C-alpha atoms as a PDB file:
ATOM      1  CA  MET A   1      44.321 -15.674 -12.415  1.00  0.00           C
ATOM      2  CA  ALA A   2      48.108 -16.091 -13.140  1.00  0.00           C
ATOM      3  CA  LEU A   3      50.267 -13.053 -13.345  1.00  0.00           C
ATOM      4  CA  VAL A   4      53.488 -13.000 -16.313  1.00  0.00           C
ATOM      5  CA  GLY A   5      56.631 -13.512 -14.655  1.00  0.00           C
ATOM      6  CA  THR A   6      54.422 -15.792 -11.228  1.00  0.00           C
ATOM      7  CA  HIS A   7      57.459 -18.509 -11.541  1.00  0.00           C
ATOM      8  CA  GLN A   8      59.790 -17.261 -13.000  1.00  0.00           C
ATOM      9  CA  THR A   9      63.647 -17.739 -11.890  1.00  0.00           C
ATOM     10  CA  LEU A  10      67.773 -16.997 -13.017  1.00  0.00           C
ATOM     11  CA  THR A  11      68.505 -21.159 -11.966  1.00  0.00           C
ATOM     12  CA  PHE A  12      68.049 -23.278  -8.874  1.00  0.00           C
ATOM     13  CA  SER A  13      70.434 -25.136  -7.100  1.00  0.00           C
ATOM     14  CA  SER A  14      71.046 -28.791  -7.886  1.00  0.00           C
ATOM     15  CA  PRO A  15      71.285 -31.365  -4.824  1.00  0.00           C
ATOM     16  CA  VAL A  16      73.489 -33.535  -4.065  1.00  0.00           C
ATOM     17  CA  LEU A  17      72.278 -36.936  -3.175  1.00  0.00           C
ATOM     18  CA  SER A  18      74.763 -40.266  -2.313  1.00  0.00           C
ATOM     19  CA  GLY A  19      77.443 -38.876  -3.806  1.00  0.00           C
ATOM     20  CA  ALA A  20      74.866 -38.413  -7.731  1.00  0.00           C
ATOM     21  CA  GLY A  21      74.124 -34.598  -8.770  1.00  0.00           C
ATOM     22  CA  VAL A  22      70.211 -33.799  -8.643  1.00  0.00           C
ATOM     23  CA  ASN A  23      69.820 -31.598 -11.658  1.00  0.00           C
ATOM     24  CA  ALA A  24      67.301 -28.872 -10.088  1.00  0.00           C
ATOM     25  CA  ASN A  25      66.330 -27.359 -12.825  1.00  0.00           C
ATOM     26  CA  VAL A  26      64.497 -30.066 -13.976  1.00  0.00           C
ATOM     27  CA  VAL A  27      60.989 -30.139 -12.424  1.00  0.00           C
ATOM     28  CA  ARG A  28      59.783 -33.667 -12.224  1.00  0.00           C
ATOM     29  CA  GLY A  29      56.585 -34.603 -12.445  1.00  0.00           C
ATOM     30  CA  ASN A  30      54.508 -36.524 -15.082  1.00  0.00           C
ATOM     31  CA  ASP A  31      57.156 -35.863 -17.384  1.00  0.00           C
ATOM     32  CA  ASN A  32      60.456 -33.009 -16.861  1.00  0.00           C
ATOM     33  CA  VAL A  33      60.409 -30.204 -17.691  1.00  0.00           C
ATOM     34  CA  LEU A  34      63.250 -28.146 -18.136  1.00  0.00           C
ATOM     35  CA  ARG A  35      62.814 -24.599 -15.986  1.00  0.00           C
ATOM     36  CA  ALA A  36      63.759 -23.152 -18.845  1.00  0.00           C
ATOM     37  CA  ALA A  37      59.981 -24.042 -20.429  1.00  0.00           C
ATOM     38  CA  LEU A  38      58.521 -23.043 -17.926  1.00  0.00           C
ATOM     39  CA  ASN A  39      59.856 -19.947 -18.058  1.00  0.00           C
ATOM     40  CA  ALA A  40      58.975 -20.103 -21.283  1.00  0.00           C
ATOM     41  CA  HIS A  41      55.401 -20.324 -19.693  1.00  0.00           C
ATOM     42  CA  ASP A  42      55.627 -16.952 -18.203  1.00  0.00           C
ATOM     43  CA  ASP A  43      57.032 -15.205 -20.901  1.00  0.00           C
ATOM     44  CA  ASP A  44      54.405 -16.034 -23.491  1.00  0.00           C
ATOM     45  CA  ALA A  45      51.543 -13.157 -22.432  1.00  0.00           C
ATOM     46  CA  SER A  46      48.492 -15.483 -24.893  1.00  0.00           C
ATOM     47  CA  ILE A  47      48.126 -18.247 -22.360  1.00  0.00           C
ATOM     48  CA  HIS A  48      47.808 -15.164 -19.336  1.00  0.00           C
ATOM     49  CA  VAL A  49      44.870 -13.453 -18.352  1.00  0.00           C
ATOM     50  CA  GLN A  50      45.942 -10.254 -15.869  1.00  0.00           C
ATOM     51  CA  SER A  51      43.249  -8.498 -14.705  1.00  0.00           C
ATOM     52  CA  GLY A  52      42.739  -4.717 -12.311  1.00  0.00           C
ATOM     53  CA  THR A  53      40.751  -1.371 -13.403  1.00  0.00           C
ATOM     54  CA  PHE A  54      40.165  -0.310 -16.889  1.00  0.00           C
ATOM     55  CA  ALA A  55      42.677   2.643 -16.346  1.00  0.00           C
ATOM     56  CA  ASN A  56      45.141   0.120 -14.816  1.00  0.00           C
ATOM     57  CA  ARG A  57      45.553  -1.343 -18.319  1.00  0.00           C
ATOM     58  CA  PRO A  58      49.679  -2.358 -19.142  1.00  0.00           C
ATOM     59  CA  THR A  59      50.769  -0.821 -21.823  1.00  0.00           C
ATOM     60  CA  THR A  60      53.898  -2.683 -22.753  1.00  0.00           C
ATOM     61  CA  ILE A  61      52.977  -6.365 -22.682  1.00  0.00           C
ATOM     62  CA  ALA A  62      53.235  -8.830 -25.691  1.00  0.00           C
ATOM     63  CA  ASP A  63      50.235  -9.268 -28.537  1.00  0.00           C
ATOM     64  CA  GLY A  64      47.997 -12.223 -27.479  1.00  0.00           C
ATOM     65  CA  ALA A  65      47.629 -11.141 -23.754  1.00  0.00           C
ATOM     66  CA  THR A  66      44.229 -10.913 -22.447  1.00  0.00           C
ATOM     67  CA  TYR A  67      42.757  -8.520 -20.126  1.00  0.00           C
ATOM     68  CA  PHE A  68      39.718  -8.194 -16.893  1.00  0.00           C
ATOM     69  CA  CYS A  69      38.137  -5.336 -16.216  1.00  0.00           C
ATOM     70  CA  THR A  70      36.850  -6.188 -12.488  1.00  0.00           C
ATOM     71  CA  ASP A  71      34.984  -2.079 -12.293  1.00  0.00           C
ATOM     72  CA  THR A  72      33.735  -2.332 -15.810  1.00  0.00           C
ATOM     73  CA  ARG A  73      33.847  -6.373 -16.119  1.00  0.00           C
ATOM     74  CA  ASP A  74      34.452  -5.782 -19.754  1.00  0.00           C
ATOM     75  CA  THR A  75      37.223  -8.440 -21.578  1.00  0.00           C
ATOM     76  CA  TYR A  76      40.532  -6.619 -23.930  1.00  0.00           C
ATOM     77  CA  SER A  77      42.734  -8.595 -25.657  1.00  0.00           C
ATOM     78  CA  ARG A  78      46.146  -7.312 -27.528  1.00  0.00           C
ATOM     79  CA  VAL A  79      46.706  -7.178 -30.856  1.00  0.00           C
ATOM     80  CA  ALA A  80      49.259  -4.793 -33.092  1.00  0.00           C
ATOM     81  CA  GLY A  81      49.988  -2.874 -29.529  1.00  0.00           C
ATOM     82  CA  ALA A  82      47.332  -1.564 -28.431  1.00  0.00           C
ATOM     83  CA  TRP A  83      44.082  -2.896 -26.554  1.00  0.00           C
ATOM     84  CA  VAL A  84      41.134  -4.430 -28.530  1.00  0.00           C
ATOM     85  CA  GLN A  85      38.115  -4.796 -26.922  1.00  0.00           C
ATOM     86  CA  SER A  86      36.881  -8.210 -26.775  1.00  0.00           C
ATOM     87  CA  GLY A  87      34.415  -9.218 -24.425  1.00  0.00           C
ATOM     88  CA  TRP A  88      31.831  -6.942 -22.667  1.00  0.00           C
ATOM     89  CA  ALA A  89      28.837  -7.269 -20.036  1.00  0.00           C
ATOM     90  CA  HIS A  90      25.930  -6.815 -21.413  1.00  0.00           C
ATOM     91  CA  TRP A  91      23.769  -4.301 -18.163  1.00  0.00           C
ATOM     92  CA  TYR A  92      20.421  -3.165 -18.274  1.00  0.00           C
ATOM     93  CA  GLY A  93      17.514  -2.527 -16.443  1.00  0.00           C
ATOM     94  CA  GLY A  94      13.303  -2.345 -17.732  1.00  0.00           C
ATOM     95  CA  PHE A  95      10.959   0.544 -15.351  1.00  0.00           C
ATOM     96  CA  SER A  96       7.038   1.498 -15.443  1.00  0.00           C
ATOM     97  CA  ASP A  97       4.986   3.169 -13.711  1.00  0.00           C
ATOM     98  CA  TYR A  98       1.636   2.792 -12.661  1.00  0.00           C
ATOM     99  CA  THR A  99       0.244   5.227 -11.417  1.00  0.00           C
ATOM    100  CA  ASP A 100      -1.289   8.543 -12.733  1.00  0.00           C
ATOM    101  CA  GLN A 101       1.771  11.215 -12.834  1.00  0.00           C
ATOM    102  CA  THR A 102       0.046  14.744 -12.794  1.00  0.00           C
ATOM    103  CA  HIS A 103       1.505  18.697 -12.508  1.00  0.00           C
ATOM    104  CA  THR A 104       0.346  21.331 -10.065  1.00  0.00           C
ATOM    105  CA  ALA A 105       2.037  24.053 -11.552  1.00  0.00           C
ATOM    106  CA  ILE A 106       2.278  24.865 -15.479  1.00  0.00           C
ATOM    107  CA  ASN A 107       5.982  25.001 -17.047  1.00  0.00           C
ATOM    108  CA  THR A 108       7.453  23.906 -13.979  1.00  0.00           C
ATOM    109  CA  ALA A 109       9.849  20.726 -13.884  1.00  0.00           C
ATOM    110  CA  LYS A 110       9.706  16.920 -12.472  1.00  0.00           C
ATOM    111  CA  ALA A 111      11.071  13.982 -11.851  1.00  0.00           C
ATOM    112  CA  ILE A 112       9.407  11.440 -14.468  1.00  0.00           C
ATOM    113  CA  THR A 113       9.329   8.434 -11.496  1.00  0.00           C
ATOM    114  CA  PHE A 114       9.012   4.480 -11.405  1.00  0.00           C
ATOM    115  CA  ASP A 115       7.007   1.915  -9.157  1.00  0.00           C
ATOM    116  CA  THR A 116       8.316  -0.710 -10.879  1.00  0.00           C
ATOM    117  CA  THR A 117      10.827  -2.760 -11.796  1.00  0.00           C
ATOM    118  CA  ASP A 118      10.151  -5.183 -15.091  1.00  0.00           C
ATOM    119  CA  LEU A 119      13.888  -6.141 -15.603  1.00  0.00           C
ATOM    120  CA  SER A 120      17.565  -5.379 -13.949  1.00  0.00           C
ATOM    121  CA  ARG A 121      20.853  -6.067 -13.954  1.00  0.00           C
ATOM    122  CA  GLY A 122      23.281  -3.579 -13.414  1.00  0.00           C
ATOM    123  CA  VAL A 123      20.862  -1.151 -13.215  1.00  0.00           C
ATOM    124  CA  THR A 124      18.513   0.224 -10.885  1.00  0.00           C
ATOM    125  CA  VAL A 125      15.814   2.641  -9.936  1.00  0.00           C
ATOM    126  CA  VAL A 126      17.058   4.773  -6.850  1.00  0.00           C
ATOM    127  CA  SER A 127      14.804   7.451  -5.217  1.00  0.00           C
ATOM    128  CA  THR A 128      12.013   6.282  -7.618  1.00  0.00           C
ATOM    129  CA  SER A 129      13.331   8.785 -10.489  1.00  0.00           C
ATOM    130  CA  ARG A 130      17.192   7.860 -10.497  1.00  0.00           C
ATOM    131  CA  LEU A 131      17.985   5.347 -12.474  1.00  0.00           C
ATOM    132  CA  THR A 132      21.422   4.328 -11.553  1.00  0.00           C
ATOM    133  CA  VAL A 133      24.469   2.315 -13.599  1.00  0.00           C
ATOM    134  CA  ALA A 134      26.513   0.232 -11.569  1.00  0.00           C
ATOM    135  CA  TYR A 135      29.710   0.190 -14.277  1.00  0.00           C
ATOM    136  CA  ALA A 136      30.416   2.014 -16.878  1.00  0.00           C
ATOM    137  CA  GLY A 137      30.094   2.710 -20.338  1.00  0.00           C
ATOM    138  CA  ASP A 138      28.004   3.597 -23.438  1.00  0.00           C
ATOM    139  CA  TYR A 139      23.527   3.309 -22.312  1.00  0.00           C
ATOM    140  CA  ASN A 140      20.886   3.572 -24.145  1.00  0.00           C
ATOM    141  CA  LEU A 141      17.866   6.047 -22.593  1.00  0.00           C
ATOM    142  CA  MET A 142      14.474   4.495 -24.115  1.00  0.00           C
ATOM    143  CA  TRP A 143      11.474   5.447 -23.202  1.00  0.00           C
ATOM    144  CA  SER A 144       7.747   6.210 -23.495  1.00  0.00           C
ATOM    145  CA  GLY A 145       4.545   7.542 -22.235  1.00  0.00           C
ATOM    146  CA  GLN A 146       1.124   7.982 -21.599  1.00  0.00           C
ATOM    147  CA  PHE A 147      -0.145  11.057 -21.935  1.00  0.00           C
ATOM    148  CA  VAL A 148      -3.243  12.342 -21.386  1.00  0.00           C
ATOM    149  CA  ASN A 149      -5.302  15.864 -22.245  1.00  0.00           C
ATOM    150  CA  THR A 150      -8.940  16.848 -20.900  1.00  0.00           C
ATOM    151  CA  ASP A 151      -8.694  20.438 -21.409  1.00  0.00           C
ATOM    152  CA  SER A 152     -10.608  21.456 -24.830  1.00  0.00           C
ATOM    153  CA  GLN A 153      -7.386  22.978 -25.761  1.00  0.00           C
ATOM    154  CA  ILE A 154      -4.299  21.167 -27.290  1.00  0.00           C
ATOM    155  CA  GLN A 155      -1.333  21.405 -25.134  1.00  0.00           C
ATOM    156  CA  ASP A 156       2.374  21.086 -25.057  1.00  0.00           C
ATOM    157  CA  VAL A 157       4.459  18.795 -23.098  1.00  0.00           C
ATOM    158  CA  ASP A 158       8.311  18.690 -23.139  1.00  0.00           C
ATOM    159  CA  VAL A 159      10.349  15.797 -21.778  1.00  0.00           C
ATOM    160  CA  TRP A 160      13.766  15.972 -21.322  1.00  0.00           C
ATOM    161  CA  VAL A 161      16.938  14.618 -19.589  1.00  0.00           C
ATOM    162  CA  ARG A 162      18.590  15.182 -16.358  1.00  0.00           C
ATOM    163  CA  LYS A 163      22.196  13.772 -15.455  1.00  0.00           C
ATOM    164  CA  ASN A 164      23.468  13.604 -12.284  1.00  0.00           C
ATOM    165  CA  GLY A 165      21.079  15.741 -11.048  1.00  0.00           C
ATOM    166  CA  THR A 166      21.773  18.182 -14.413  1.00  0.00           C
ATOM    167  CA  ASP A 167      19.644  19.470 -17.470  1.00  0.00           C
ATOM    168  CA  VAL A 168      21.365  17.764 -20.672  1.00  0.00           C
ATOM    169  CA  ALA A 169      21.983  20.456 -22.938  1.00  0.00           C
ATOM    170  CA  GLY A 170      19.535  19.712 -26.183  1.00  0.00           C
ATOM    171  CA  SER A 171      17.331  16.763 -24.750  1.00  0.00           C
ATOM    172  CA  THR A 172      14.325  18.850 -24.220  1.00  0.00           C
ATOM    173  CA  GLY A 173      11.853  16.908 -26.316  1.00  0.00           C
ATOM    174  CA  ARG A 174       7.941  18.875 -26.949  1.00  0.00           C
ATOM    175  CA  VAL A 175       5.264  17.198 -28.131  1.00  0.00           C
ATOM    176  CA  SER A 176       1.433  18.272 -28.194  1.00  0.00           C
ATOM    177  CA  VAL A 177      -1.232  16.630 -27.122  1.00  0.00           C
ATOM    178  CA  PRO A 178      -4.954  16.620 -29.077  1.00  0.00           C
ATOM    179  CA  ASN A 179      -7.344  18.611 -27.014  1.00  0.00           C
ATOM    180  CA  LYS A 180     -10.735  16.573 -25.629  1.00  0.00           C
ATOM    181  CA  HIS A 181     -13.064  16.065 -28.098  1.00  0.00           C
ATOM    182  CA  GLY A 182     -16.952  15.619 -26.404  1.00  0.00           C
ATOM    183  CA  SER A 183     -16.330  13.209 -23.652  1.00  0.00           C
ATOM    184  CA  VAL A 184     -13.277  11.505 -25.201  1.00  0.00           C
ATOM    185  CA  ASP A 185      -9.837  12.445 -23.669  1.00  0.00           C
ATOM    186  CA  GLY A 186      -6.799  13.843 -26.266  1.00  0.00           C
ATOM    187  CA  HIS A 187      -4.227  11.062 -25.745  1.00  0.00           C
ATOM    188  CA  LEU A 188      -0.692  11.163 -27.132  1.00  0.00           C
ATOM    189  CA  LEU A 189       2.098   8.020 -27.054  1.00  0.00           C
ATOM    190  CA  PRO A 190       5.183   9.939 -27.706  1.00  0.00           C
ATOM    191  CA  ALA A 191       8.331   7.735 -27.468  1.00  0.00           C
ATOM    192  CA  TRP A 192      12.639   8.482 -28.539  1.00  0.00           C
ATOM    193  CA  ASN A 193      16.102   7.835 -27.694  1.00  0.00           C
ATOM    194  CA  TYR A 194      19.190   9.503 -25.966  1.00  0.00           C
ATOM    195  CA  PHE A 195      23.172   7.909 -25.380  1.00  0.00           C
ATOM    196  CA  PHE A 196      24.519   8.948 -23.455  1.00  0.00           C
ATOM    197  CA  THR A 197      28.764   7.654 -21.601  1.00  0.00           C
ATOM    198  CA  LEU A 198      28.318   6.561 -17.844  1.00  0.00           C
ATOM    199  CA  ALA A 199      31.068   6.523 -15.235  1.00  0.00           C
ATOM    200  CA  ALA A 200      29.355   4.310 -12.512  1.00  0.00           C
ATOM    201  CA  ASN A 201      27.169   5.019 -10.357  1.00  0.00           C
ATOM    202  CA  ASP A 202      26.211   8.000 -12.486  1.00  0.00           C
ATOM    203  CA  TYR A 203      22.602   7.953 -12.365  1.00  0.00           C
ATOM    204  CA  LEU A 204      19.628   9.695 -15.343  1.00  0.00           C
ATOM    205  CA  GLU A 205      16.298  11.429 -15.084  1.00  0.00           C
ATOM    206  CA  LEU A 206      13.512  12.222 -17.346  1.00  0.00           C
ATOM    207  CA  TYR A 207      11.812  15.487 -16.683  1.00  0.00           C
ATOM    208  CA  TRP A 208       8.793  16.896 -18.201  1.00  0.00           C
ATOM    209  CA  ALA A 209       6.799  20.317 -17.818  1.00  0.00           C
ATOM    210  CA  VAL A 210       3.385  20.923 -19.395  1.00  0.00           C
ATOM    211  CA  THR A 211       1.491  23.881 -20.491  1.00  0.00           C
ATOM    212  CA  ASN A 212      -1.568  22.994 -18.475  1.00  0.00           C
ATOM    213  CA  THR A 213      -2.017  20.834 -15.204  1.00  0.00           C
ATOM    214  CA  ALA A 214      -4.978  19.283 -17.239  1.00  0.00           C
ATOM    215  CA  LEU A 215      -2.149  17.130 -18.547  1.00  0.00           C
ATOM    216  CA  SER A 216      -0.941  13.555 -16.619  1.00  0.00           C
ATOM    217  CA  LEU A 217       0.316  10.561 -17.764  1.00  0.00           C
ATOM    218  CA  GLN A 218      -2.261   8.523 -17.372  1.00  0.00           C
ATOM    219  CA  THR A 219      -2.508   4.185 -16.576  1.00  0.00           C
ATOM    220  CA  ASN A 220      -5.735   2.391 -17.222  1.00  0.00           C
ATOM    221  CA  PRO A 221      -6.498  -1.085 -16.040  1.00  0.00           C
ATOM    222  CA  ALA A 222      -6.777  -4.186 -18.464  1.00  0.00           C
ATOM    223  CA  SER A 223     -10.283  -4.223 -20.621  1.00  0.00           C
ATOM    224  CA  ALA A 224     -12.334  -6.662 -22.370  1.00  0.00           C
ATOM    225  CA  TRP A 225     -10.328  -6.578 -25.317  1.00  0.00           C
ATOM    226  CA  ALA A 226      -6.436  -5.260 -24.045  1.00  0.00           C
ATOM    227  CA  PRO A 227      -3.913  -5.641 -20.843  1.00  0.00           C
ATOM    228  CA  SER A 228      -4.079  -2.655 -18.862  1.00  0.00           C
ATOM    229  CA  THR A 229      -1.563   0.563 -19.735  1.00  0.00           C
ATOM    230  CA  ALA A 230       1.402   1.938 -18.009  1.00  0.00           C
ATOM    231  CA  SER A 231       1.965   5.806 -17.988  1.00  0.00           C
ATOM    232  CA  VAL A 232       5.523   5.488 -18.497  1.00  0.00           C
ATOM    233  CA  ILE A 233       7.656   2.864 -19.543  1.00  0.00           C
ATOM    234  CA  ALA A 234      12.023   3.246 -19.680  1.00  0.00           C
ATOM    235  CA  THR A 235      14.089   1.300 -20.792  1.00  0.00           C
ATOM    236  CA  LEU A 236      18.645   1.487 -19.906  1.00  0.00           C
ATOM    237  CA  ASN A 237      21.004  -0.559 -21.647  1.00  0.00           C
ATOM    238  CA  ARG A 238      24.487  -0.800 -21.725  1.00  0.00           C
ATOM    239  CA  ILE A 239      25.430  -0.855 -25.887  1.00  0.00           C
END
């Protein structure tokens, strides 16, 4: 990508050929272009794209300039003396799990895990539970889980988010899963979402705790009338 000022020079020396002066300030090509025209080209930021990290965007540059961020993959335009985002990269990941996830103790934090990547571009699962972003930005985390209760009493489950290994204040949601009725287990499929501002290589995890180990996240095989059930589904996409 060309940088502003790459070709500029104050003057050229005009060589002498067979006694006749040759104006080196005229660039010979398909047409005779003046040196001043090339300098004017380089002075016009609107026809240049500069690149670098988001933090290193130039602060003094003419309106109309374009800047490509190598760390976020976003494009910015210079408008009224400020950088305005004119294009952004879409990073996303969709993940699910097809195993039963259980607890061995009540009121104990445990990470929700994923064994299947449904779709991924710039977001990956690391260590089975960490939804990890390659690029900085604002992200939307959405999830749902198929909870099953085999106990004869209603039981509660807490679900919350950890960011880079630290619990996020205010992120816990508590739901009550219906009790077992006769031979039919209680089922509940809660779902909600969160917004986060993330730096490159940040990760999010979903954690859960139960009031009774009769609660689990359960997957089910396909039936004669419906496809299989994932125990948990999560998507993380840049907004």
